Protein backbone atom coordinates (compact mmCIF):
# COMPACT_ATOMS: atom_id res chain seq x y z
CA MET A 1 -39.43 -5.85 84.37
CA MET A 2 -40.61 -2.95 82.25
CA LYS A 3 -38.45 -0.49 84.18
CA GLU A 4 -35.38 -2.72 83.83
CA THR A 5 -35.70 -2.90 80.05
CA GLU A 6 -36.56 0.81 79.78
CA ILE A 7 -39.51 -0.04 77.55
CA LEU A 8 -41.56 2.63 79.35
CA LYS A 9 -39.62 5.25 77.40
CA ASN A 10 -41.42 4.12 74.23
CA TYR A 11 -44.75 2.77 75.55
CA THR A 12 -47.19 3.44 78.34
CA VAL A 13 -48.45 0.41 80.22
CA GLU A 14 -51.85 0.86 78.59
CA SER A 15 -50.47 1.13 75.04
CA LEU A 16 -48.22 -1.88 75.59
CA LEU A 17 -51.13 -4.03 76.77
CA MET A 18 -53.36 -2.81 73.96
CA GLU A 19 -50.71 -3.75 71.41
CA LEU A 20 -50.16 -7.21 72.89
CA GLU A 21 -53.86 -8.03 73.24
CA LYS A 22 -54.10 -8.02 69.42
CA ILE A 23 -52.14 -11.30 69.28
CA LYS A 24 -54.52 -14.17 68.62
CA LYS A 25 -54.08 -17.87 69.42
CA ILE A 26 -55.77 -20.40 67.15
CA ASP A 27 -56.30 -23.94 68.45
CA LEU A 28 -56.48 -26.52 65.69
CA GLU A 29 -58.52 -29.73 65.90
CA ASN A 30 -55.37 -31.83 66.08
CA GLY A 31 -54.37 -30.08 69.32
CA GLU A 32 -51.77 -27.84 67.71
CA ALA A 33 -51.83 -24.14 68.56
CA ILE A 34 -50.69 -21.36 66.26
CA PHE A 35 -50.49 -17.60 66.79
CA THR A 36 -51.21 -14.81 64.35
CA GLU A 37 -48.18 -13.11 62.84
CA LEU A 38 -46.63 -10.45 65.07
CA THR A 39 -46.36 -6.83 63.99
CA LYS A 40 -43.08 -4.94 64.22
CA LYS A 41 -44.24 -3.24 67.45
CA GLN A 42 -45.27 -6.56 68.99
CA LYS A 43 -41.93 -8.15 68.09
CA ASP A 44 -40.10 -5.17 69.59
CA ILE A 45 -42.06 -5.47 72.86
CA MET A 46 -41.58 -9.23 73.07
CA GLU A 47 -37.83 -8.95 72.45
CA LYS A 48 -37.35 -6.16 74.98
CA LEU A 49 -39.25 -8.08 77.64
CA ASN A 50 -37.34 -11.26 76.75
CA LEU A 51 -40.52 -13.20 75.95
CA CYS A 52 -40.85 -15.88 73.29
CA ALA A 53 -41.37 -14.27 69.90
């Protein structure tokens, strides 16, 4: 998937994973889940990999 989107030109696998691991999920008492705001780099990665952003 990473080769198809050519994202490896901008990121190594390690740097990509390190950037994405910073995203935090917060579970609220009412069962709702929210995520911390994404940085520009994280949004770029998510869009290129066609993941929900």
